[in-house]
N, C-alpha and C. Protein backbone atom coordinates (compact mmCIF):
# COMPACT_ATOMS: atom_id res chain seq x y z
N UNK A 1 -6.90 4.87 -22.47
CA UNK A 1 -7.23 3.46 -22.60
C UNK A 1 -6.12 2.57 -22.04
N UNK A 2 -4.85 2.95 -22.33
CA UNK A 2 -3.72 2.17 -21.83
C UNK A 2 -3.69 2.17 -20.30
N UNK A 3 -3.98 3.33 -19.71
CA UNK A 3 -4.00 3.43 -18.25
C UNK A 3 -5.10 2.57 -17.66
N UNK A 4 -6.25 2.53 -18.33
CA UNK A 4 -7.38 1.72 -17.85
C UNK A 4 -7.02 0.24 -17.88
N UNK A 5 -6.46 -0.20 -19.00
CA UNK A 5 -6.07 -1.61 -19.14
C UNK A 5 -5.01 -1.99 -18.12
N UNK A 6 -4.02 -1.10 -17.96
CA UNK A 6 -2.94 -1.34 -17.00
C UNK A 6 -3.49 -1.45 -15.57
N UNK A 7 -4.39 -0.54 -15.22
CA UNK A 7 -4.97 -0.53 -13.88
C UNK A 7 -5.76 -1.80 -13.61
N UNK A 8 -6.56 -2.21 -14.58
CA UNK A 8 -7.40 -3.41 -14.41
C UNK A 8 -6.56 -4.67 -14.32
N UNK A 9 -5.60 -4.82 -15.25
CA UNK A 9 -4.77 -6.02 -15.26
C UNK A 9 -3.89 -6.13 -14.00
N UNK A 10 -3.36 -4.99 -13.57
CA UNK A 10 -2.53 -4.99 -12.36
C UNK A 10 -3.35 -5.36 -11.13
N UNK A 11 -4.54 -4.80 -11.06
CA UNK A 11 -5.43 -5.10 -9.93
C UNK A 11 -5.79 -6.58 -9.90
N UNK A 12 -6.11 -7.13 -11.06
CA UNK A 12 -6.44 -8.56 -11.14
C UNK A 12 -5.24 -9.42 -10.78
N UNK A 13 -4.05 -9.00 -11.23
CA UNK A 13 -2.83 -9.74 -10.91
C UNK A 13 -2.55 -9.76 -9.41
N UNK A 14 -2.71 -8.60 -8.77
CA UNK A 14 -2.50 -8.53 -7.32
C UNK A 14 -3.51 -9.39 -6.57
N UNK A 15 -4.77 -9.34 -7.00
CA UNK A 15 -5.80 -10.15 -6.35
C UNK A 15 -5.54 -11.64 -6.52
N UNK A 16 -5.11 -12.02 -7.71
CA UNK A 16 -4.81 -13.43 -7.99
C UNK A 16 -3.71 -13.94 -7.07
N UNK A 17 -2.66 -13.15 -6.90
CA UNK A 17 -1.55 -13.55 -6.03
C UNK A 17 -2.00 -13.60 -4.56
N UNK A 18 -2.87 -12.67 -4.20
CA UNK A 18 -3.40 -12.68 -2.84
C UNK A 18 -4.21 -13.93 -2.55
N UNK A 19 -5.00 -14.35 -3.53
CA UNK A 19 -5.80 -15.57 -3.39
C UNK A 19 -4.90 -16.80 -3.28
N UNK A 20 -3.83 -16.84 -4.08
CA UNK A 20 -2.90 -17.97 -4.03
C UNK A 20 -2.32 -18.14 -2.63
N UNK A 21 -1.91 -17.03 -2.04
CA UNK A 21 -1.33 -17.08 -0.70
C UNK A 21 -2.38 -17.50 0.32
N UNK A 22 -3.57 -16.94 0.22
CA UNK A 22 -4.62 -17.28 1.17
C UNK A 22 -4.99 -18.75 1.11
N UNK A 23 -5.01 -19.32 -0.09
CA UNK A 23 -5.39 -20.72 -0.26
C UNK A 23 -4.38 -21.67 0.38
N UNK A 24 -3.13 -21.23 0.51
CA UNK A 24 -2.11 -22.09 1.13
C UNK A 24 -2.39 -22.31 2.61
N UNK A 25 -2.92 -21.29 3.25
CA UNK A 25 -3.27 -21.42 4.67
C UNK A 25 -4.22 -20.28 5.04
N UNK A 26 -5.50 -20.53 4.87
CA UNK A 26 -6.50 -19.48 5.09
C UNK A 26 -6.68 -19.14 6.57
N UNK A 27 -6.15 -19.97 7.46
CA UNK A 27 -6.29 -19.72 8.89
C UNK A 27 -5.17 -18.84 9.44
N UNK A 28 -4.12 -18.65 8.65
CA UNK A 28 -2.98 -17.86 9.11
C UNK A 28 -3.30 -16.36 9.07
N UNK A 29 -3.12 -15.64 10.20
CA UNK A 29 -3.34 -14.19 10.21
C UNK A 29 -2.43 -13.48 9.22
N UNK A 30 -1.21 -13.99 9.05
CA UNK A 30 -0.26 -13.39 8.12
C UNK A 30 -0.79 -13.47 6.70
N UNK A 31 -1.29 -14.63 6.31
CA UNK A 31 -1.84 -14.80 4.97
C UNK A 31 -3.10 -13.97 4.77
N UNK A 32 -3.90 -13.85 5.81
CA UNK A 32 -5.11 -13.04 5.72
C UNK A 32 -4.78 -11.57 5.55
N UNK A 33 -3.78 -11.11 6.29
CA UNK A 33 -3.35 -9.72 6.15
C UNK A 33 -2.84 -9.46 4.73
N UNK A 34 -2.07 -10.40 4.20
CA UNK A 34 -1.54 -10.24 2.84
C UNK A 34 -2.67 -10.20 1.82
N UNK A 35 -3.65 -11.07 1.98
CA UNK A 35 -4.80 -11.09 1.08
C UNK A 35 -5.57 -9.77 1.16
N UNK A 36 -5.79 -9.29 2.38
CA UNK A 36 -6.48 -8.00 2.56
C UNK A 36 -5.68 -6.87 1.94
N UNK A 37 -4.35 -6.96 2.05
CA UNK A 37 -3.47 -5.94 1.47
C UNK A 37 -3.64 -5.90 -0.05
N UNK A 38 -3.69 -7.07 -0.70
CA UNK A 38 -3.84 -7.09 -2.16
C UNK A 38 -5.21 -6.57 -2.58
N UNK A 39 -6.24 -6.84 -1.78
CA UNK A 39 -7.57 -6.30 -2.09
C UNK A 39 -7.56 -4.78 -2.02
N UNK A 40 -6.98 -4.23 -0.96
CA UNK A 40 -6.92 -2.78 -0.80
C UNK A 40 -6.04 -2.13 -1.85
N UNK A 41 -4.95 -2.80 -2.22
CA UNK A 41 -4.08 -2.27 -3.27
C UNK A 41 -4.83 -2.19 -4.59
N UNK A 42 -5.57 -3.25 -4.92
CA UNK A 42 -6.37 -3.25 -6.15
C UNK A 42 -7.43 -2.15 -6.10
N UNK A 43 -8.07 -2.00 -4.95
CA UNK A 43 -9.09 -0.96 -4.78
C UNK A 43 -8.49 0.43 -4.94
N UNK A 44 -7.29 0.61 -4.40
CA UNK A 44 -6.61 1.91 -4.50
C UNK A 44 -6.28 2.25 -5.95
N UNK A 45 -5.74 1.27 -6.67
CA UNK A 45 -5.38 1.49 -8.07
C UNK A 45 -6.60 1.83 -8.91
N UNK A 46 -7.67 1.05 -8.76
CA UNK A 46 -8.88 1.26 -9.56
C UNK A 46 -9.58 2.56 -9.18
N UNK A 47 -9.62 2.88 -7.89
CA UNK A 47 -10.26 4.12 -7.45
C UNK A 47 -9.48 5.34 -7.93
N UNK A 48 -8.15 5.25 -7.90
CA UNK A 48 -7.31 6.35 -8.38
C UNK A 48 -7.59 6.62 -9.86
N UNK A 49 -7.67 5.55 -10.65
CA UNK A 49 -7.96 5.73 -12.07
C UNK A 49 -9.36 6.29 -12.27
N UNK A 50 -10.33 5.71 -11.58
CA UNK A 50 -11.72 6.14 -11.74
C UNK A 50 -11.92 7.59 -11.33
N UNK A 51 -11.21 8.04 -10.29
CA UNK A 51 -11.37 9.41 -9.82
C UNK A 51 -10.96 10.42 -10.89
N UNK A 52 -9.89 10.09 -11.62
CA UNK A 52 -9.42 10.97 -12.69
C UNK A 52 -10.32 10.86 -13.92
N UNK A 53 -10.68 9.63 -14.27
CA UNK A 53 -11.51 9.40 -15.46
C UNK A 53 -12.89 10.06 -15.30
N UNK A 54 -13.45 9.97 -14.11
CA UNK A 54 -14.78 10.53 -13.85
C UNK A 54 -14.71 11.96 -13.29
N UNK A 55 -13.48 12.42 -13.04
CA UNK A 55 -13.27 13.76 -12.46
C UNK A 55 -14.09 13.91 -11.18
N UNK A 56 -14.00 12.89 -10.32
CA UNK A 56 -14.83 12.83 -9.12
C UNK A 56 -14.04 13.18 -7.85
N UNK A 57 -14.35 14.31 -7.22
CA UNK A 57 -13.71 14.67 -5.94
C UNK A 57 -13.98 13.63 -4.85
N UNK A 58 -15.17 13.02 -4.87
CA UNK A 58 -15.52 12.02 -3.86
C UNK A 58 -14.61 10.80 -3.97
N UNK A 59 -14.40 10.33 -5.19
CA UNK A 59 -13.50 9.19 -5.39
C UNK A 59 -12.06 9.55 -5.05
N UNK A 60 -11.70 10.80 -5.36
CA UNK A 60 -10.34 11.24 -5.03
C UNK A 60 -10.13 11.23 -3.52
N UNK A 61 -11.12 11.71 -2.77
CA UNK A 61 -11.03 11.67 -1.31
C UNK A 61 -10.98 10.22 -0.81
N UNK A 62 -11.70 9.36 -1.52
CA UNK A 62 -11.72 7.94 -1.14
C UNK A 62 -10.34 7.30 -1.24
N UNK A 63 -9.51 7.79 -2.17
CA UNK A 63 -8.16 7.22 -2.31
C UNK A 63 -7.33 7.46 -1.04
N UNK A 64 -7.57 8.59 -0.37
CA UNK A 64 -6.87 8.86 0.88
C UNK A 64 -7.30 7.87 1.96
N UNK A 65 -8.60 7.60 2.00
CA UNK A 65 -9.14 6.66 2.99
C UNK A 65 -8.58 5.26 2.76
N UNK A 66 -8.62 4.82 1.49
CA UNK A 66 -8.10 3.49 1.15
C UNK A 66 -6.61 3.40 1.47
N UNK A 67 -5.90 4.50 1.23
CA UNK A 67 -4.46 4.54 1.50
C UNK A 67 -4.17 4.30 2.98
N UNK A 68 -4.97 4.89 3.85
CA UNK A 68 -4.79 4.69 5.30
C UNK A 68 -4.99 3.22 5.66
N UNK A 69 -6.04 2.62 5.13
CA UNK A 69 -6.31 1.20 5.39
C UNK A 69 -5.20 0.32 4.82
N UNK A 70 -4.73 0.68 3.63
CA UNK A 70 -3.66 -0.08 2.97
C UNK A 70 -2.39 -0.08 3.81
N UNK A 71 -2.02 1.08 4.31
CA UNK A 71 -0.80 1.19 5.12
C UNK A 71 -0.97 0.47 6.46
N UNK A 72 -2.16 0.56 7.03
CA UNK A 72 -2.42 -0.10 8.31
C UNK A 72 -2.32 -1.62 8.19
N UNK A 73 -2.98 -2.16 7.17
CA UNK A 73 -2.93 -3.61 6.95
C UNK A 73 -1.51 -4.05 6.58
N UNK A 74 -0.83 -3.23 5.78
CA UNK A 74 0.55 -3.54 5.42
C UNK A 74 1.45 -3.60 6.64
N UNK A 75 1.25 -2.65 7.56
CA UNK A 75 2.04 -2.65 8.79
C UNK A 75 1.74 -3.89 9.63
N UNK A 76 0.46 -4.24 9.77
CA UNK A 76 0.09 -5.41 10.57
C UNK A 76 0.62 -6.70 9.94
N UNK A 77 0.68 -6.73 8.62
CA UNK A 77 1.25 -7.89 7.92
C UNK A 77 2.74 -8.02 8.26
N UNK A 78 3.48 -6.91 8.15
CA UNK A 78 4.91 -6.93 8.45
C UNK A 78 5.13 -7.25 9.93
N UNK A 79 4.32 -6.65 10.80
CA UNK A 79 4.46 -6.91 12.24
C UNK A 79 4.24 -8.39 12.55
N UNK A 80 3.22 -8.97 11.92
CA UNK A 80 2.93 -10.39 12.15
C UNK A 80 4.04 -11.28 11.61
N UNK A 81 4.63 -10.89 10.49
CA UNK A 81 5.75 -11.65 9.93
C UNK A 81 6.95 -11.64 10.87
N UNK A 82 7.21 -10.47 11.46
CA UNK A 82 8.42 -10.29 12.25
C UNK A 82 8.27 -10.69 13.72
N UNK A 83 7.13 -10.38 14.30
CA UNK A 83 6.92 -10.58 15.74
C UNK A 83 5.87 -11.65 16.03
N UNK A 84 4.90 -11.76 15.14
CA UNK A 84 3.77 -12.65 15.39
C UNK A 84 2.50 -11.83 15.55
N UNK A 85 1.37 -12.45 15.31
CA UNK A 85 0.10 -11.74 15.41
C UNK A 85 -0.20 -11.36 16.86
N UNK A 86 -0.62 -10.10 17.04
CA UNK A 86 -0.94 -9.60 18.37
C UNK A 86 -2.26 -8.82 18.29
N UNK A 87 -3.28 -9.32 18.97
CA UNK A 87 -4.61 -8.71 18.90
C UNK A 87 -4.61 -7.27 19.42
N UNK A 88 -3.84 -7.01 20.46
CA UNK A 88 -3.80 -5.66 21.04
C UNK A 88 -3.18 -4.66 20.07
N UNK A 89 -2.10 -5.07 19.43
CA UNK A 89 -1.45 -4.21 18.44
C UNK A 89 -2.39 -3.95 17.27
N UNK A 90 -3.08 -5.00 16.82
CA UNK A 90 -4.03 -4.85 15.72
C UNK A 90 -5.15 -3.90 16.09
N UNK A 91 -5.67 -4.02 17.32
CA UNK A 91 -6.76 -3.15 17.77
C UNK A 91 -6.32 -1.69 17.80
N UNK A 92 -5.13 -1.44 18.33
CA UNK A 92 -4.60 -0.07 18.39
C UNK A 92 -4.43 0.48 16.98
N UNK A 93 -3.89 -0.34 16.07
CA UNK A 93 -3.68 0.09 14.69
C UNK A 93 -5.01 0.45 14.02
N UNK A 94 -6.04 -0.35 14.27
CA UNK A 94 -7.36 -0.08 13.69
C UNK A 94 -7.97 1.20 14.26
N UNK A 95 -7.80 1.42 15.56
CA UNK A 95 -8.35 2.62 16.20
C UNK A 95 -7.68 3.88 15.64
N UNK A 96 -6.35 3.83 15.50
CA UNK A 96 -5.62 4.97 14.94
C UNK A 96 -6.05 5.22 13.50
N UNK A 97 -6.18 4.14 12.73
CA UNK A 97 -6.62 4.27 11.33
C UNK A 97 -8.01 4.89 11.25
N UNK A 98 -8.91 4.47 12.13
CA UNK A 98 -10.27 5.01 12.15
C UNK A 98 -10.26 6.50 12.47
N UNK A 99 -9.39 6.90 13.39
CA UNK A 99 -9.27 8.32 13.75
C UNK A 99 -8.77 9.14 12.56
N UNK A 100 -7.77 8.62 11.85
CA UNK A 100 -7.23 9.31 10.68
C UNK A 100 -8.30 9.41 9.59
N UNK A 101 -9.02 8.32 9.36
CA UNK A 101 -10.07 8.30 8.34
C UNK A 101 -11.17 9.30 8.67
N UNK A 102 -11.53 9.40 9.96
CA UNK A 102 -12.55 10.36 10.38
C UNK A 102 -12.11 11.78 10.05
N UNK A 103 -10.83 12.05 10.24
CA UNK A 103 -10.30 13.37 9.91
C UNK A 103 -10.31 13.64 8.42
N UNK A 104 -10.07 12.60 7.62
CA UNK A 104 -10.07 12.75 6.16
C UNK A 104 -11.48 12.98 5.62
N UNK A 105 -12.45 12.34 6.25
CA UNK A 105 -13.84 12.48 5.81
C UNK A 105 -14.40 13.85 6.18
N UNK A 106 -13.95 14.38 7.32
CA UNK A 106 -14.43 15.68 7.78
C UNK A 106 -13.90 16.78 6.87
N UNK A 107 -14.79 17.47 6.17
CA UNK A 107 -14.41 18.47 5.19
C UNK A 107 -13.57 19.58 5.81
N UNK A 108 -12.39 19.79 5.23
CA UNK A 108 -11.54 20.90 5.63
C UNK A 108 -10.60 20.62 6.78
N UNK A 109 -10.83 19.53 7.53
CA UNK A 109 -9.96 19.25 8.67
C UNK A 109 -8.57 18.79 8.22
N UNK A 110 -8.54 17.85 7.27
CA UNK A 110 -7.27 17.41 6.70
C UNK A 110 -7.13 17.84 5.25
N UNK A 111 -8.18 17.60 4.48
CA UNK A 111 -8.21 18.05 3.09
C UNK A 111 -9.57 18.66 2.80
N UNK A 112 -9.59 19.62 1.87
CA UNK A 112 -10.85 20.26 1.54
C UNK A 112 -10.77 21.00 0.22
N UNK A 113 -11.90 21.48 -0.24
CA UNK A 113 -11.99 22.26 -1.48
C UNK A 113 -11.30 21.55 -2.64
N UNK A 114 -11.66 20.29 -2.85
CA UNK A 114 -11.05 19.50 -3.91
C UNK A 114 -11.61 19.92 -5.26
N UNK A 115 -10.72 20.22 -6.19
CA UNK A 115 -11.13 20.63 -7.53
C UNK A 115 -10.30 19.89 -8.57
N UNK A 116 -10.95 19.58 -9.69
CA UNK A 116 -10.25 18.89 -10.78
C UNK A 116 -9.94 19.88 -11.88
N UNK A 117 -8.70 19.80 -12.38
CA UNK A 117 -8.33 20.67 -13.48
C UNK A 117 -7.02 20.27 -14.10
N UNK A 118 -6.95 20.32 -15.42
CA UNK A 118 -5.72 20.03 -16.16
C UNK A 118 -5.17 18.64 -15.82
N UNK A 119 -6.04 17.65 -15.80
CA UNK A 119 -5.70 16.23 -15.63
C UNK A 119 -5.18 15.87 -14.24
N UNK A 120 -5.43 16.70 -13.25
CA UNK A 120 -5.06 16.32 -11.89
C UNK A 120 -5.96 17.07 -10.90
N UNK A 121 -5.96 16.60 -9.66
CA UNK A 121 -6.77 17.22 -8.61
C UNK A 121 -5.92 18.20 -7.80
N UNK A 122 -6.57 19.28 -7.42
CA UNK A 122 -5.94 20.24 -6.51
C UNK A 122 -6.82 20.33 -5.26
N UNK A 123 -6.20 20.50 -4.12
CA UNK A 123 -6.98 20.56 -2.88
C UNK A 123 -6.23 21.37 -1.83
N UNK A 124 -6.98 21.84 -0.85
CA UNK A 124 -6.40 22.58 0.25
C UNK A 124 -6.13 21.63 1.42
N UNK A 125 -5.05 21.88 2.12
CA UNK A 125 -4.72 21.04 3.28
C UNK A 125 -5.13 21.74 4.57
N UNK A 126 -5.67 20.96 5.50
CA UNK A 126 -6.07 21.51 6.79
C UNK A 126 -5.04 21.24 7.87
N UNK A 127 -5.27 21.80 9.03
CA UNK A 127 -4.32 21.65 10.14
C UNK A 127 -4.20 20.20 10.60
N UNK A 128 -5.27 19.45 10.43
CA UNK A 128 -5.26 18.07 10.89
C UNK A 128 -4.43 17.13 10.05
N UNK A 129 -3.97 17.60 8.89
CA UNK A 129 -3.20 16.72 7.99
C UNK A 129 -1.90 16.26 8.62
N UNK A 130 -1.39 17.03 9.58
CA UNK A 130 -0.14 16.66 10.24
C UNK A 130 -0.27 15.30 10.93
N UNK A 131 -1.48 14.98 11.40
CA UNK A 131 -1.71 13.69 12.05
C UNK A 131 -1.52 12.54 11.06
N UNK A 132 -2.00 12.74 9.84
CA UNK A 132 -1.84 11.72 8.79
C UNK A 132 -0.37 11.57 8.40
N UNK A 133 0.34 12.68 8.35
CA UNK A 133 1.76 12.66 8.00
C UNK A 133 2.56 11.90 9.07
N UNK A 134 2.27 12.19 10.33
CA UNK A 134 2.95 11.50 11.44
C UNK A 134 2.64 10.01 11.40
N UNK A 135 1.39 9.67 11.10
CA UNK A 135 0.96 8.27 10.99
C UNK A 135 1.76 7.55 9.91
N UNK A 136 1.91 8.19 8.75
CA UNK A 136 2.67 7.60 7.64
C UNK A 136 4.13 7.39 8.01
N UNK A 137 4.73 8.40 8.63
CA UNK A 137 6.14 8.32 9.01
C UNK A 137 6.36 7.22 10.06
N UNK A 138 5.45 7.14 11.03
CA UNK A 138 5.57 6.14 12.09
C UNK A 138 5.50 4.73 11.52
N UNK A 139 4.57 4.50 10.60
CA UNK A 139 4.43 3.18 9.98
C UNK A 139 5.68 2.84 9.18
N UNK A 140 6.16 3.80 8.40
CA UNK A 140 7.34 3.58 7.56
C UNK A 140 8.58 3.27 8.40
N UNK A 141 8.83 4.11 9.40
CA UNK A 141 10.05 3.97 10.21
C UNK A 141 10.01 2.69 11.05
N UNK A 142 8.90 2.47 11.75
CA UNK A 142 8.83 1.30 12.63
C UNK A 142 8.76 0.00 11.82
N UNK A 143 8.02 0.03 10.71
CA UNK A 143 7.93 -1.15 9.86
C UNK A 143 9.29 -1.53 9.28
N UNK A 144 10.04 -0.51 8.83
CA UNK A 144 11.38 -0.74 8.29
C UNK A 144 12.32 -1.27 9.37
N UNK A 145 12.21 -0.70 10.56
CA UNK A 145 13.04 -1.14 11.69
C UNK A 145 12.77 -2.61 12.02
N UNK A 146 11.50 -2.96 12.11
CA UNK A 146 11.13 -4.34 12.44
C UNK A 146 11.64 -5.32 11.39
N UNK A 147 11.43 -4.97 10.12
CA UNK A 147 11.84 -5.86 9.03
C UNK A 147 13.35 -6.05 9.02
N UNK A 148 14.08 -4.94 9.16
CA UNK A 148 15.55 -5.00 9.15
C UNK A 148 16.08 -5.78 10.35
N UNK A 149 15.54 -5.50 11.52
CA UNK A 149 15.98 -6.17 12.75
C UNK A 149 15.74 -7.68 12.67
N UNK A 150 14.58 -8.06 12.15
CA UNK A 150 14.25 -9.48 12.08
C UNK A 150 15.12 -10.20 11.06
N UNK A 151 15.38 -9.56 9.92
CA UNK A 151 16.24 -10.17 8.90
C UNK A 151 17.64 -10.43 9.47
N UNK A 152 18.16 -9.46 10.22
CA UNK A 152 19.50 -9.59 10.78
C UNK A 152 19.58 -10.63 11.90
N UNK A 153 18.49 -10.82 12.61
CA UNK A 153 18.51 -11.72 13.77
C UNK A 153 18.07 -13.15 13.46
N UNK A 154 17.38 -13.34 12.34
CA UNK A 154 16.84 -14.66 12.03
C UNK A 154 17.77 -15.45 11.10
N UNK A 155 17.50 -16.74 11.03
CA UNK A 155 18.22 -17.63 10.12
C UNK A 155 17.22 -18.56 9.45
N UNK A 156 17.67 -19.25 8.42
CA UNK A 156 16.83 -20.26 7.80
C UNK A 156 15.65 -19.72 7.02
N UNK A 157 14.51 -20.41 7.14
CA UNK A 157 13.32 -20.12 6.34
C UNK A 157 12.81 -18.70 6.55
N UNK A 158 12.75 -18.27 7.80
CA UNK A 158 12.22 -16.94 8.11
C UNK A 158 13.05 -15.86 7.45
N UNK A 159 14.37 -16.00 7.53
CA UNK A 159 15.24 -15.00 6.93
C UNK A 159 15.11 -14.97 5.42
N UNK A 160 15.05 -16.14 4.78
CA UNK A 160 14.89 -16.20 3.33
C UNK A 160 13.59 -15.53 2.90
N UNK A 161 12.52 -15.81 3.64
CA UNK A 161 11.22 -15.22 3.33
C UNK A 161 11.26 -13.69 3.41
N UNK A 162 11.80 -13.19 4.52
CA UNK A 162 11.84 -11.75 4.73
C UNK A 162 12.79 -11.05 3.77
N UNK A 163 13.87 -11.72 3.39
CA UNK A 163 14.80 -11.13 2.42
C UNK A 163 14.13 -10.93 1.06
N UNK A 164 13.37 -11.93 0.62
CA UNK A 164 12.65 -11.81 -0.65
C UNK A 164 11.63 -10.68 -0.59
N UNK A 165 10.92 -10.59 0.51
CA UNK A 165 9.93 -9.53 0.67
C UNK A 165 10.60 -8.16 0.67
N UNK A 166 11.73 -8.06 1.37
CA UNK A 166 12.47 -6.79 1.43
C UNK A 166 13.00 -6.40 0.06
N UNK A 167 13.51 -7.38 -0.70
CA UNK A 167 14.01 -7.11 -2.05
C UNK A 167 12.88 -6.61 -2.94
N UNK A 168 11.73 -7.25 -2.84
CA UNK A 168 10.57 -6.82 -3.62
C UNK A 168 10.14 -5.42 -3.26
N UNK A 169 10.13 -5.12 -1.97
CA UNK A 169 9.72 -3.80 -1.49
C UNK A 169 10.69 -2.72 -1.96
N UNK A 170 11.99 -3.00 -1.84
CA UNK A 170 12.99 -2.04 -2.28
C UNK A 170 12.95 -1.84 -3.79
N UNK A 171 12.73 -2.94 -4.53
CA UNK A 171 12.63 -2.84 -5.98
C UNK A 171 11.46 -1.99 -6.41
N UNK A 172 10.32 -2.19 -5.76
CA UNK A 172 9.14 -1.40 -6.09
C UNK A 172 9.34 0.06 -5.70
N UNK A 173 9.94 0.30 -4.52
CA UNK A 173 10.17 1.67 -4.06
C UNK A 173 11.07 2.43 -5.03
N UNK A 174 12.13 1.75 -5.50
CA UNK A 174 13.04 2.38 -6.46
C UNK A 174 12.33 2.67 -7.78
N UNK A 175 11.58 1.68 -8.27
CA UNK A 175 10.87 1.86 -9.54
C UNK A 175 9.83 2.97 -9.43
N UNK A 176 9.12 3.02 -8.30
CA UNK A 176 8.11 4.06 -8.10
C UNK A 176 8.77 5.44 -8.01
N UNK A 177 9.95 5.50 -7.39
CA UNK A 177 10.68 6.77 -7.30
C UNK A 177 11.06 7.27 -8.69
N UNK A 178 11.53 6.35 -9.53
CA UNK A 178 11.92 6.72 -10.90
C UNK A 178 10.72 7.19 -11.71
N UNK A 179 9.64 6.42 -11.68
CA UNK A 179 8.47 6.74 -12.51
C UNK A 179 7.66 7.92 -11.98
N UNK A 180 7.65 8.10 -10.67
CA UNK A 180 6.81 9.15 -10.08
C UNK A 180 7.54 10.48 -9.86
N UNK A 181 8.87 10.41 -9.71
CA UNK A 181 9.62 11.63 -9.40
C UNK A 181 10.66 11.97 -10.46
N UNK A 182 11.52 11.00 -10.79
CA UNK A 182 12.62 11.28 -11.73
C UNK A 182 12.09 11.59 -13.13
N UNK A 183 11.25 10.71 -13.67
CA UNK A 183 10.73 10.92 -15.03
C UNK A 183 9.94 12.21 -15.18
N UNK A 184 9.02 12.53 -14.25
CA UNK A 184 8.31 13.82 -14.36
C UNK A 184 9.26 15.01 -14.29
N UNK A 185 10.33 14.90 -13.48
CA UNK A 185 11.30 15.98 -13.38
C UNK A 185 12.04 16.19 -14.70
N UNK A 186 12.18 15.09 -15.46
CA UNK A 186 12.82 15.16 -16.78
C UNK A 186 11.82 15.45 -17.89
N UNK A 187 10.60 15.79 -17.50
CA UNK A 187 9.51 16.11 -18.44
C UNK A 187 9.09 14.89 -19.27
N UNK A 188 9.31 13.71 -18.73
CA UNK A 188 8.87 12.47 -19.39
C UNK A 188 7.64 11.97 -18.64
N UNK A 189 6.48 12.37 -19.11
CA UNK A 189 5.24 12.04 -18.39
C UNK A 189 4.51 10.84 -18.98
N UNK A 190 4.93 10.38 -20.15
CA UNK A 190 4.21 9.28 -20.80
C UNK A 190 4.43 7.94 -20.12
N UNK A 191 5.44 7.85 -19.25
CA UNK A 191 5.75 6.57 -18.60
C UNK A 191 5.45 6.56 -17.10
N UNK A 192 4.86 7.64 -16.60
CA UNK A 192 4.61 7.71 -15.16
C UNK A 192 3.60 6.67 -14.69
N UNK A 193 2.76 6.18 -15.60
CA UNK A 193 1.76 5.18 -15.22
C UNK A 193 2.39 3.83 -14.87
N UNK A 194 3.67 3.65 -15.18
CA UNK A 194 4.33 2.36 -14.96
C UNK A 194 4.45 2.00 -13.48
N UNK A 195 4.28 2.99 -12.59
CA UNK A 195 4.34 2.64 -11.17
C UNK A 195 3.18 1.73 -10.76
N UNK A 196 2.13 1.69 -11.59
CA UNK A 196 0.99 0.81 -11.30
C UNK A 196 1.36 -0.65 -11.52
N UNK A 197 1.77 -1.06 -12.74
CA UNK A 197 2.13 -2.47 -12.92
C UNK A 197 3.36 -2.89 -12.13
N UNK A 198 4.24 -1.93 -11.82
CA UNK A 198 5.45 -2.26 -11.07
C UNK A 198 5.15 -2.68 -9.63
N UNK A 199 3.94 -2.41 -9.16
CA UNK A 199 3.56 -2.90 -7.83
C UNK A 199 3.57 -4.42 -7.79
N UNK A 200 3.45 -5.04 -8.97
CA UNK A 200 3.48 -6.50 -9.05
C UNK A 200 4.85 -7.07 -8.68
N UNK A 201 5.90 -6.25 -8.78
CA UNK A 201 7.23 -6.70 -8.37
C UNK A 201 7.20 -7.10 -6.89
N UNK A 202 6.71 -6.18 -6.09
CA UNK A 202 6.63 -6.41 -4.65
C UNK A 202 5.67 -7.53 -4.30
N UNK A 203 4.47 -7.49 -4.87
CA UNK A 203 3.46 -8.49 -4.55
C UNK A 203 3.89 -9.88 -5.02
N UNK A 204 4.49 -9.97 -6.20
CA UNK A 204 4.91 -11.27 -6.74
C UNK A 204 5.99 -11.91 -5.88
N UNK A 205 7.02 -11.14 -5.53
CA UNK A 205 8.09 -11.68 -4.69
C UNK A 205 7.59 -12.05 -3.29
N UNK A 206 6.70 -11.22 -2.76
CA UNK A 206 6.14 -11.50 -1.44
C UNK A 206 5.30 -12.78 -1.47
N UNK A 207 4.47 -12.92 -2.51
CA UNK A 207 3.64 -14.11 -2.64
C UNK A 207 4.50 -15.36 -2.79
N UNK A 208 5.54 -15.25 -3.62
CA UNK A 208 6.46 -16.38 -3.82
C UNK A 208 7.12 -16.78 -2.51
N UNK A 209 7.59 -15.77 -1.76
CA UNK A 209 8.27 -16.04 -0.49
C UNK A 209 7.34 -16.71 0.51
N UNK A 210 6.11 -16.25 0.58
CA UNK A 210 5.17 -16.79 1.56
C UNK A 210 4.69 -18.19 1.20
N UNK A 211 4.65 -18.49 -0.10
CA UNK A 211 4.23 -19.83 -0.53
C UNK A 211 5.38 -20.83 -0.41
N UNK A 212 6.58 -20.40 -0.85
CA UNK A 212 7.73 -21.31 -0.86
C UNK A 212 8.29 -21.55 0.53
N UNK A 213 8.38 -20.48 1.32
CA UNK A 213 9.00 -20.60 2.64
C UNK A 213 7.96 -20.48 3.74
N UNK A 214 7.04 -21.37 3.73
CA UNK A 214 6.03 -21.37 4.80
C UNK A 214 6.67 -21.84 6.10
N UNK A 215 6.45 -21.07 7.15
CA UNK A 215 7.05 -21.45 8.44
C UNK A 215 6.00 -22.06 9.35
């Protein structure tokens, strides 16, 4: 019950912040990407919970699909913040995401034989999963490079905005590392669900930065 309440409240909180940012300037591609990111984040959280609660392999597979979209939109948001909106880059990102999603949907190519047992899902990995791994690494490395480079090169409003976003991202990454890796390693599993509400750290600081330091 606690996990359900946490998942619902966190999802609503993320959506609320996304709407606040969108209302400030609904024509801005950056604000639209952020709003889409909060929608996908809420969908990911709720689908993850529902997949376990319903013991549904289909919903579990759906979390992989949503994750690809979430990372793609997140990358385009960061790219637009740092470089500016670029239709060609967005198109390429969408095409790559569609290719990865097609591989995830195809049984056995990336993941297959999904089974639920002992409060978690087990599945087999296919040869195509390497494409998803490379995709994740590329987004992480290039996104981090862009954000760091822009923070170091910019001044004024843009730098303040990106610094707040970076602080929020690092704070969430650290908190997620503690709750998802450190605590389970110490056999403390009752607090692992905290990585869900802690996503609000990143979203809240990002929303604040985008509203306060509009460029």
